[in-house]
Amino acid sequence: MMYKQVADALRPPRTAYVRFPFGQPLGEPDNADQQRVVVEDALHLLVNATEKGVLKELPYRWRREDYRGIRSQRGNILAAETAVASDD
């Protein structure tokens, strides 16, 4: 979601909000690490949000983060969720 005001007005069930330029909600073109981090966080919210109307502001800033470092530090956060879900 690009505009927090729109999310507040529409009240979608889950919203991941980023402060990126309009039209680039996943990040810079050709920056796969940045895009992957944003998508993983959005999917993590989708899986783990337990209440309606959750709005999570992602902490990333345009071109100011080491997205490769973030990915290597946390590993694949979705793999852990998949393993837990398949145990149920």
PDB file of N, CA and C in Angstrom:
ATOM      1  N   MET A   1       0.857  -1.169   0.000  1.00  0.00           N
ATOM      2  CA  MET A   1       0.000   0.000   0.000  1.00  0.00           C
ATOM      3  C   MET A   1       0.902   1.231   0.000  1.00  0.00           C
ATOM      4  N   MET A   2       0.574   2.168  -0.834  1.00  0.00           N
ATOM      5  CA  MET A   2       1.396   3.358  -0.994  1.00  0.00           C
ATOM      6  C   MET A   2       0.941   4.514  -0.087  1.00  0.00           C
ATOM      7  N   TYR A   3      -0.352   4.614   0.144  1.00  0.00           N
ATOM      8  CA  TYR A   3      -0.858   5.725   0.943  1.00  0.00           C
ATOM      9  C   TYR A   3      -1.542   5.206   2.199  1.00  0.00           C
ATOM     10  N   LYS A   4      -1.020   5.602   3.326  1.00  0.00           N
ATOM     11  CA  LYS A   4      -1.584   5.170   4.603  1.00  0.00           C
ATOM     12  C   LYS A   4      -3.013   5.698   4.772  1.00  0.00           C
ATOM     13  N   GLN A   5      -3.281   6.896   4.260  1.00  0.00           N
ATOM     14  CA  GLN A   5      -4.623   7.486   4.377  1.00  0.00           C
ATOM     15  C   GLN A   5      -5.667   6.647   3.642  1.00  0.00           C
ATOM     16  N   VAL A   6      -5.282   6.069   2.515  1.00  0.00           N
ATOM     17  CA  VAL A   6      -6.203   5.215   1.759  1.00  0.00           C
ATOM     18  C   VAL A   6      -6.502   3.950   2.554  1.00  0.00           C
ATOM     19  N   ALA A   7      -5.494   3.363   3.142  1.00  0.00           N
ATOM     20  CA  ALA A   7      -5.703   2.163   3.962  1.00  0.00           C
ATOM     21  C   ALA A   7      -6.597   2.476   5.152  1.00  0.00           C
ATOM     22  N   ASP A   8      -6.395   3.640   5.769  1.00  0.00           N
ATOM     23  CA  ASP A   8      -7.248   4.028   6.894  1.00  0.00           C
ATOM     24  C   ASP A   8      -8.696   4.190   6.453  1.00  0.00           C
ATOM     25  N   ALA A   9      -8.923   4.725   5.266  1.00  0.00           N
ATOM     26  CA  ALA A   9     -10.283   4.947   4.769  1.00  0.00           C
ATOM     27  C   ALA A   9     -10.952   3.654   4.313  1.00  0.00           C
ATOM     28  N   LEU A  10     -10.202   2.786   3.631  1.00  0.00           N
ATOM     29  CA  LEU A  10     -10.783   1.558   3.081  1.00  0.00           C
ATOM     30  C   LEU A  10     -10.866   0.417   4.086  1.00  0.00           C
ATOM     31  N   ARG A  11      -9.997   0.440   5.084  1.00  0.00           N
ATOM     32  CA  ARG A  11      -9.956  -0.585   6.129  1.00  0.00           C
ATOM     33  C   ARG A  11      -9.845  -2.000   5.562  1.00  0.00           C
ATOM     34  N   PRO A  12      -8.825  -2.285   4.744  1.00  0.00           N
ATOM     35  CA  PRO A  12      -8.643  -3.655   4.264  1.00  0.00           C
ATOM     36  C   PRO A  12      -8.288  -4.578   5.426  1.00  0.00           C
ATOM     37  N   PRO A  13      -8.459  -5.891   5.260  1.00  0.00           N
ATOM     38  CA  PRO A  13      -8.196  -6.819   6.364  1.00  0.00           C
ATOM     39  C   PRO A  13      -6.752  -6.782   6.869  1.00  0.00           C
ATOM     40  N   ARG A  14      -5.805  -6.634   5.953  1.00  0.00           N
ATOM     41  CA  ARG A  14      -4.382  -6.578   6.317  1.00  0.00           C
ATOM     42  C   ARG A  14      -3.692  -5.637   5.350  1.00  0.00           C
ATOM     43  N   THR A  15      -2.794  -4.813   5.879  1.00  0.00           N
ATOM     44  CA  THR A  15      -2.071  -3.880   5.020  1.00  0.00           C
ATOM     45  C   THR A  15      -0.626  -3.791   5.459  1.00  0.00           C
ATOM     46  N   ALA A  16       0.281  -3.952   4.512  1.00  0.00           N
ATOM     47  CA  ALA A  16       1.699  -3.681   4.730  1.00  0.00           C
ATOM     48  C   ALA A  16       1.972  -2.352   4.040  1.00  0.00           C
ATOM     49  N   TYR A  17       2.433  -1.377   4.794  1.00  0.00           N
ATOM     50  CA  TYR A  17       2.626  -0.019   4.295  1.00  0.00           C
ATOM     51  C   TYR A  17       4.114   0.277   4.191  1.00  0.00           C
ATOM     52  N   VAL A  18       4.542   0.811   3.049  1.00  0.00           N
ATOM     53  CA  VAL A  18       5.936   1.207   2.860  1.00  0.00           C
ATOM     54  C   VAL A  18       5.983   2.656   2.382  1.00  0.00           C
ATOM     55  N   ARG A  19       7.024   3.355   2.785  1.00  0.00           N
ATOM     56  CA  ARG A  19       7.217   4.739   2.347  1.00  0.00           C
ATOM     57  C   ARG A  19       8.146   4.769   1.134  1.00  0.00           C
ATOM     58  N   PHE A  20       7.653   4.241   0.046  1.00  0.00           N
ATOM     59  CA  PHE A  20       8.399   4.224  -1.200  1.00  0.00           C
ATOM     60  C   PHE A  20       7.709   5.166  -2.187  1.00  0.00           C
ATOM     61  N   PRO A  21       8.406   5.581  -3.246  1.00  0.00           N
ATOM     62  CA  PRO A  21       7.786   6.456  -4.243  1.00  0.00           C
ATOM     63  C   PRO A  21       6.554   5.811  -4.871  1.00  0.00           C
ATOM     64  N   PHE A  22       5.603   6.659  -5.229  1.00  0.00           N
ATOM     65  CA  PHE A  22       4.362   6.185  -5.825  1.00  0.00           C
ATOM     66  C   PHE A  22       4.654   5.327  -7.053  1.00  0.00           C
ATOM     67  N   GLY A  23       3.971   4.205  -7.141  1.00  0.00           N
ATOM     68  CA  GLY A  23       4.119   3.313  -8.275  1.00  0.00           C
ATOM     69  C   GLY A  23       5.197   2.253  -8.103  1.00  0.00           C
ATOM     70  N   GLN A  24       5.920   2.302  -6.988  1.00  0.00           N
ATOM     71  CA  GLN A  24       6.966   1.315  -6.753  1.00  0.00           C
ATOM     72  C   GLN A  24       6.830   0.726  -5.339  1.00  0.00           C
ATOM     73  N   PRO A  25       5.685   0.091  -5.049  1.00  0.00           N
ATOM     74  CA  PRO A  25       5.440  -0.399  -3.693  1.00  0.00           C
ATOM     75  C   PRO A  25       6.356  -1.538  -3.259  1.00  0.00           C
ATOM     76  N   LEU A  26       6.974  -2.230  -4.206  1.00  0.00           N
ATOM     77  CA  LEU A  26       7.865  -3.329  -3.842  1.00  0.00           C
ATOM     78  C   LEU A  26       9.321  -2.914  -3.840  1.00  0.00           C
ATOM     79  N   GLY A  27       9.636  -1.749  -4.370  1.00  0.00           N
ATOM     80  CA  GLY A  27      11.003  -1.280  -4.366  1.00  0.00           C
ATOM     81  C   GLY A  27      11.506  -0.896  -5.738  1.00  0.00           C
ATOM     82  N   GLU A  28      12.805  -0.690  -5.802  1.00  0.00           N
ATOM     83  CA  GLU A  28      13.458  -0.229  -7.023  1.00  0.00           C
ATOM     84  C   GLU A  28      13.450  -1.312  -8.100  1.00  0.00           C
ATOM     85  N   PRO A  29      13.341  -0.906  -9.369  1.00  0.00           N
ATOM     86  CA  PRO A  29      13.475  -1.875 -10.452  1.00  0.00           C
ATOM     87  C   PRO A  29      14.857  -2.540 -10.393  1.00  0.00           C
ATOM     88  N   ASP A  30      14.905  -3.807 -10.667  1.00  0.00           N
ATOM     89  CA  ASP A  30      16.144  -4.589 -10.713  1.00  0.00           C
ATOM     90  C   ASP A  30      16.834  -4.729  -9.354  1.00  0.00           C
ATOM     91  N   ASN A  31      16.140  -4.464  -8.273  1.00  0.00           N
ATOM     92  CA  ASN A  31      16.705  -4.675  -6.941  1.00  0.00           C
ATOM     93  C   ASN A  31      15.953  -5.844  -6.301  1.00  0.00           C
ATOM     94  N   ALA A  32      16.333  -7.048  -6.700  1.00  0.00           N
ATOM     95  CA  ALA A  32      15.621  -8.254  -6.271  1.00  0.00           C
ATOM     96  C   ALA A  32      15.665  -8.445  -4.759  1.00  0.00           C
ATOM     97  N   ASP A  33      16.773  -8.091  -4.115  1.00  0.00           N
ATOM     98  CA  ASP A  33      16.854  -8.257  -2.659  1.00  0.00           C
ATOM     99  C   ASP A  33      15.842  -7.364  -1.947  1.00  0.00           C
ATOM    100  N   GLN A  34      15.738  -6.116  -2.384  1.00  0.00           N
ATOM    101  CA  GLN A  34      14.779  -5.192  -1.779  1.00  0.00           C
ATOM    102  C   GLN A  34      13.354  -5.695  -1.994  1.00  0.00           C
ATOM    103  N   GLN A  35      13.039  -6.083  -3.208  1.00  0.00           N
ATOM    104  CA  GLN A  35      11.695  -6.559  -3.516  1.00  0.00           C
ATOM    105  C   GLN A  35      11.358  -7.814  -2.729  1.00  0.00           C
ATOM    106  N   ARG A  36      12.315  -8.706  -2.593  1.00  0.00           N
ATOM    107  CA  ARG A  36      12.087  -9.954  -1.858  1.00  0.00           C
ATOM    108  C   ARG A  36      11.810  -9.677  -0.383  1.00  0.00           C
ATOM    109  N   VAL A  37      12.558  -8.755   0.214  1.00  0.00           N
ATOM    110  CA  VAL A  37      12.350  -8.424   1.626  1.00  0.00           C
ATOM    111  C   VAL A  37      10.945  -7.871   1.831  1.00  0.00           C
ATOM    112  N   VAL A  38      10.503  -6.962   0.967  1.00  0.00           N
ATOM    113  CA  VAL A  38       9.169  -6.361   1.105  1.00  0.00           C
ATOM    114  C   VAL A  38       8.084  -7.418   0.904  1.00  0.00           C
ATOM    115  N   VAL A  39       8.228  -8.256  -0.114  1.00  0.00           N
ATOM    116  CA  VAL A  39       7.222  -9.299  -0.376  1.00  0.00           C
ATOM    117  C   VAL A  39       7.176 -10.300   0.777  1.00  0.00           C
ATOM    118  N   GLU A  40       8.335 -10.719   1.287  1.00  0.00           N
ATOM    119  CA  GLU A  40       8.357 -11.657   2.414  1.00  0.00           C
ATOM    120  C   GLU A  40       7.656 -11.066   3.632  1.00  0.00           C
ATOM    121  N   ASP A  41       7.914  -9.783   3.913  1.00  0.00           N
ATOM    122  CA  ASP A  41       7.262  -9.155   5.068  1.00  0.00           C
ATOM    123  C   ASP A  41       5.749  -9.059   4.869  1.00  0.00           C
ATOM    124  N   ALA A  42       5.317  -8.749   3.648  1.00  0.00           N
ATOM    125  CA  ALA A  42       3.876  -8.673   3.365  1.00  0.00           C
ATOM    126  C   ALA A  42       3.227 -10.053   3.515  1.00  0.00           C
ATOM    127  N   LEU A  43       3.875 -11.090   3.003  1.00  0.00           N
ATOM    128  CA  LEU A  43       3.330 -12.446   3.135  1.00  0.00           C
ATOM    129  C   LEU A  43       3.349 -12.918   4.588  1.00  0.00           C
ATOM    130  N   HIS A  44       4.382 -12.534   5.316  1.00  0.00           N
ATOM    131  CA  HIS A  44       4.450 -12.872   6.740  1.00  0.00           C
ATOM    132  C   HIS A  44       3.270 -12.246   7.486  1.00  0.00           C
ATOM    133  N   LEU A  45       2.944 -11.005   7.145  1.00  0.00           N
ATOM    134  CA  LEU A  45       1.785 -10.340   7.750  1.00  0.00           C
ATOM    135  C   LEU A  45       0.503 -11.072   7.377  1.00  0.00           C
ATOM    136  N   LEU A  46       0.380 -11.465   6.124  1.00  0.00           N
ATOM    137  CA  LEU A  46      -0.808 -12.179   5.659  1.00  0.00           C
ATOM    138  C   LEU A  46      -1.038 -13.466   6.450  1.00  0.00           C
ATOM    139  N   VAL A  47       0.037 -14.189   6.718  1.00  0.00           N
ATOM    140  CA  VAL A  47      -0.064 -15.466   7.431  1.00  0.00           C
ATOM    141  C   VAL A  47      -0.301 -15.264   8.925  1.00  0.00           C
ATOM    142  N   ASN A  48       0.301 -14.229   9.516  1.00  0.00           N
ATOM    143  CA  ASN A  48       0.311 -14.104  10.973  1.00  0.00           C
ATOM    144  C   ASN A  48      -0.659 -13.101  11.571  1.00  0.00           C
ATOM    145  N   ALA A  49      -1.303 -12.288  10.770  1.00  0.00           N
ATOM    146  CA  ALA A  49      -2.250 -11.314  11.317  1.00  0.00           C
ATOM    147  C   ALA A  49      -3.465 -12.061  11.869  1.00  0.00           C
ATOM    148  N   THR A  50      -3.793 -11.803  13.112  1.00  0.00           N
ATOM    149  CA  THR A  50      -4.903 -12.512  13.745  1.00  0.00           C
ATOM    150  C   THR A  50      -6.133 -11.632  13.935  1.00  0.00           C
ATOM    151  N   GLU A  51      -5.981 -10.334  13.725  1.00  0.00           N
ATOM    152  CA  GLU A  51      -7.101  -9.406  13.899  1.00  0.00           C
ATOM    153  C   GLU A  51      -7.429  -8.721  12.580  1.00  0.00           C
ATOM    154  N   LYS A  52      -8.669  -8.248  12.434  1.00  0.00           N
ATOM    155  CA  LYS A  52      -9.057  -7.502  11.244  1.00  0.00           C
ATOM    156  C   LYS A  52      -8.464  -6.099  11.303  1.00  0.00           C
ATOM    157  N   GLY A  53      -8.199  -5.541  10.137  1.00  0.00           N
ATOM    158  CA  GLY A  53      -7.764  -4.165  10.052  1.00  0.00           C
ATOM    159  C   GLY A  53      -6.328  -3.899  10.457  1.00  0.00           C
ATOM    160  N   VAL A  54      -5.472  -4.921  10.418  1.00  0.00           N
ATOM    161  CA  VAL A  54      -4.072  -4.758  10.816  1.00  0.00           C
ATOM    162  C   VAL A  54      -3.346  -3.923   9.762  1.00  0.00           C
ATOM    163  N   LEU A  55      -2.669  -2.883  10.204  1.00  0.00           N
ATOM    164  CA  LEU A  55      -1.846  -2.056   9.338  1.00  0.00           C
ATOM    165  C   LEU A  55      -0.442  -2.051   9.906  1.00  0.00           C
ATOM    166  N   LYS A  56       0.487  -2.635   9.154  1.00  0.00           N
ATOM    167  CA  LYS A  56       1.869  -2.695   9.619  1.00  0.00           C
ATOM    168  C   LYS A  56       2.723  -1.814   8.725  1.00  0.00           C
ATOM    169  N   GLU A  57       3.370  -0.839   9.325  1.00  0.00           N
ATOM    170  CA  GLU A  57       4.278   0.015   8.574  1.00  0.00           C
ATOM    171  C   GLU A  57       5.643  -0.654   8.562  1.00  0.00           C
ATOM    172  N   LEU A  58       6.104  -1.008   7.380  1.00  0.00           N
ATOM    173  CA  LEU A  58       7.405  -1.648   7.246  1.00  0.00           C
ATOM    174  C   LEU A  58       8.494  -0.600   7.461  1.00  0.00           C
ATOM    175  N   PRO A  59       9.589  -0.968   8.101  1.00  0.00           N
ATOM    176  CA  PRO A  59      10.587   0.012   8.525  1.00  0.00           C
ATOM    177  C   PRO A  59      11.567   0.467   7.441  1.00  0.00           C
ATOM    178  N   TYR A  60      11.386   0.033   6.214  1.00  0.00           N
ATOM    179  CA  TYR A  60      12.396   0.265   5.193  1.00  0.00           C
ATOM    180  C   TYR A  60      12.294   1.657   4.584  1.00  0.00           C
ATOM    181  N   ARG A  61      13.462   2.196   4.238  1.00  0.00           N
ATOM    182  CA  ARG A  61      13.539   3.502   3.597  1.00  0.00           C
ATOM    183  C   ARG A  61      14.138   3.327   2.207  1.00  0.00           C
ATOM    184  N   TRP A  62      13.671   4.095   1.289  1.00  0.00           N
ATOM    185  CA  TRP A  62      14.081   4.006  -0.112  1.00  0.00           C
ATOM    186  C   TRP A  62      15.586   4.194  -0.235  1.00  0.00           C
ATOM    187  N   ARG A  63      16.244   3.210  -0.796  1.00  0.00           N
ATOM    188  CA  ARG A  63      17.688   3.234  -1.100  1.00  0.00           C
ATOM    189  C   ARG A  63      18.583   3.471   0.118  1.00  0.00           C
ATOM    190  N   ARG A  64      18.123   3.174   1.297  1.00  0.00           N
ATOM    191  CA  ARG A  64      18.950   3.413   2.482  1.00  0.00           C
ATOM    192  C   ARG A  64      19.191   2.165   3.318  1.00  0.00           C
ATOM    193  N   GLU A  65      18.786   1.043   2.832  1.00  0.00           N
ATOM    194  CA  GLU A  65      18.921  -0.193   3.595  1.00  0.00           C
ATOM    195  C   GLU A  65      19.837  -1.157   2.845  1.00  0.00           C
ATOM    196  N   ASP A  66      20.450  -2.042   3.582  1.00  0.00           N
ATOM    197  CA  ASP A  66      21.251  -3.115   2.997  1.00  0.00           C
ATOM    198  C   ASP A  66      20.360  -4.345   2.917  1.00  0.00           C
ATOM    199  N   TYR A  67      19.599  -4.454   1.839  1.00  0.00           N
ATOM    200  CA  TYR A  67      18.612  -5.523   1.721  1.00  0.00           C
ATOM    201  C   TYR A  67      19.264  -6.900   1.593  1.00  0.00           C
ATOM    202  N   ARG A  68      20.416  -6.970   0.970  1.00  0.00           N
ATOM    203  CA  ARG A  68      21.130  -8.251   0.905  1.00  0.00           C
ATOM    204  C   ARG A  68      21.523  -8.680   2.317  1.00  0.00           C
ATOM    205  N   GLY A  69      21.969  -7.736   3.130  1.00  0.00           N
ATOM    206  CA  GLY A  69      22.316  -8.036   4.513  1.00  0.00           C
ATOM    207  C   GLY A  69      21.103  -8.465   5.334  1.00  0.00           C
ATOM    208  N   ILE A  70      19.976  -7.798   5.119  1.00  0.00           N
ATOM    209  CA  ILE A  70      18.742  -8.164   5.824  1.00  0.00           C
ATOM    210  C   ILE A  70      18.362  -9.601   5.478  1.00  0.00           C
ATOM    211  N   ARG A  71      18.413  -9.950   4.191  1.00  0.00           N
ATOM    212  CA  ARG A  71      18.054 -11.308   3.767  1.00  0.00           C
ATOM    213  C   ARG A  71      18.990 -12.347   4.348  1.00  0.00           C
ATOM    214  N   SER A  72      20.292 -12.038   4.386  1.00  0.00           N
ATOM    215  CA  SER A  72      21.231 -13.038   4.902  1.00  0.00           C
ATOM    216  C   SER A  72      21.120 -13.180   6.416  1.00  0.00           C
ATOM    217  N   GLN A  73      20.791 -12.109   7.117  1.00  0.00           N
ATOM    218  CA  GLN A  73      20.651 -12.185   8.579  1.00  0.00           C
ATOM    219  C   GLN A  73      19.443 -13.006   9.001  1.00  0.00           C
ATOM    220  N   ARG A  74      18.334 -12.791   8.350  1.00  0.00           N
ATOM    221  CA  ARG A  74      17.111 -13.462   8.799  1.00  0.00           C
ATOM    222  C   ARG A  74      16.830 -14.756   8.072  1.00  0.00           C
ATOM    223  N   GLY A  75      17.511 -15.012   6.969  1.00  0.00           N
ATOM    224  CA  GLY A  75      17.253 -16.234   6.225  1.00  0.00           C
ATOM    225  C   GLY A  75      15.900 -16.163   5.546  1.00  0.00           C
ATOM    226  N   ASN A  76      15.323 -17.297   5.273  1.00  0.00           N
ATOM    227  CA  ASN A  76      14.026 -17.359   4.610  1.00  0.00           C
ATOM    228  C   ASN A  76      12.932 -17.437   5.672  1.00  0.00           C
ATOM    229  N   ILE A  77      12.317 -16.306   5.972  1.00  0.00           N
ATOM    230  CA  ILE A  77      11.297 -16.289   7.024  1.00  0.00           C
ATOM    231  C   ILE A  77      10.050 -17.047   6.607  1.00  0.00           C
ATOM    232  N   LEU A  78       9.839 -17.203   5.310  1.00  0.00           N
ATOM    233  CA  LEU A  78       8.659 -17.926   4.856  1.00  0.00           C
ATOM    234  C   LEU A  78       8.827 -19.429   4.989  1.00  0.00           C
ATOM    235  N   ALA A  79      10.036 -19.931   4.902  1.00  0.00           N
ATOM    236  CA  ALA A  79      10.268 -21.362   5.054  1.00  0.00           C
ATOM    237  C   ALA A  79       9.894 -21.813   6.459  1.00  0.00           C
ATOM    238  N   ALA A  80      10.205 -21.009   7.460  1.00  0.00           N
ATOM    239  CA  ALA A  80       9.850 -21.347   8.837  1.00  0.00           C
ATOM    240  C   ALA A  80       8.339 -21.388   9.007  1.00  0.00           C
ATOM    241  N   GLU A  81       7.628 -20.451   8.373  1.00  0.00           N
ATOM    242  CA  GLU A  81       6.162 -20.424   8.466  1.00  0.00           C
ATOM    243  C   GLU A  81       5.562 -21.627   7.774  1.00  0.00           C
ATOM    244  N   THR A  82       6.103 -22.018   6.630  1.00  0.00           N
ATOM    245  CA  THR A  82       5.605 -23.168   5.906  1.00  0.00           C
ATOM    246  C   THR A  82       5.788 -24.444   6.714  1.00  0.00           C
ATOM    247  N   ALA A  83       6.916 -24.578   7.365  1.00  0.00           N
ATOM    248  CA  ALA A  83       7.168 -25.769   8.180  1.00  0.00           C
ATOM    249  C   ALA A  83       6.196 -25.850   9.333  1.00  0.00           C
ATOM    250  N   VAL A  84       5.897 -24.743   9.973  1.00  0.00           N
ATOM    251  CA  VAL A  84       4.945 -24.727  11.084  1.00  0.00           C
ATOM    252  C   VAL A  84       3.552 -25.053  10.583  1.00  0.00           C
ATOM    253  N   ALA A  85       3.158 -24.460   9.449  1.00  0.00           N
ATOM    254  CA  ALA A  85       1.827 -24.709   8.906  1.00  0.00           C
ATOM    255  C   ALA A  85       1.653 -26.162   8.479  1.00  0.00           C
ATOM    256  N   SER A  86       2.683 -26.787   7.958  1.00  0.00           N
ATOM    257  CA  SER A  86       2.539 -28.173   7.515  1.00  0.00           C
ATOM    258  C   SER A  86       2.494 -29.160   8.672  1.00  0.00           C
ATOM    259  N   ASP A  87       2.952 -28.725   9.857  1.00  0.00           N
ATOM    260  CA  ASP A  87       2.886 -29.600  11.034  1.00  0.00           C
ATOM    261  C   ASP A  87       1.468 -29.692  11.586  1.00  0.00           C
ATOM    262  N   ASP A  88       0.594 -28.732  11.260  1.00  0.00           N
ATOM    263  CA  ASP A  88      -0.780 -28.701  11.807  1.00  0.00           C
ATOM    264  C   ASP A  88      -1.652 -29.762  11.234  1.00  0.00           C
TER     265      ASP A  88
END
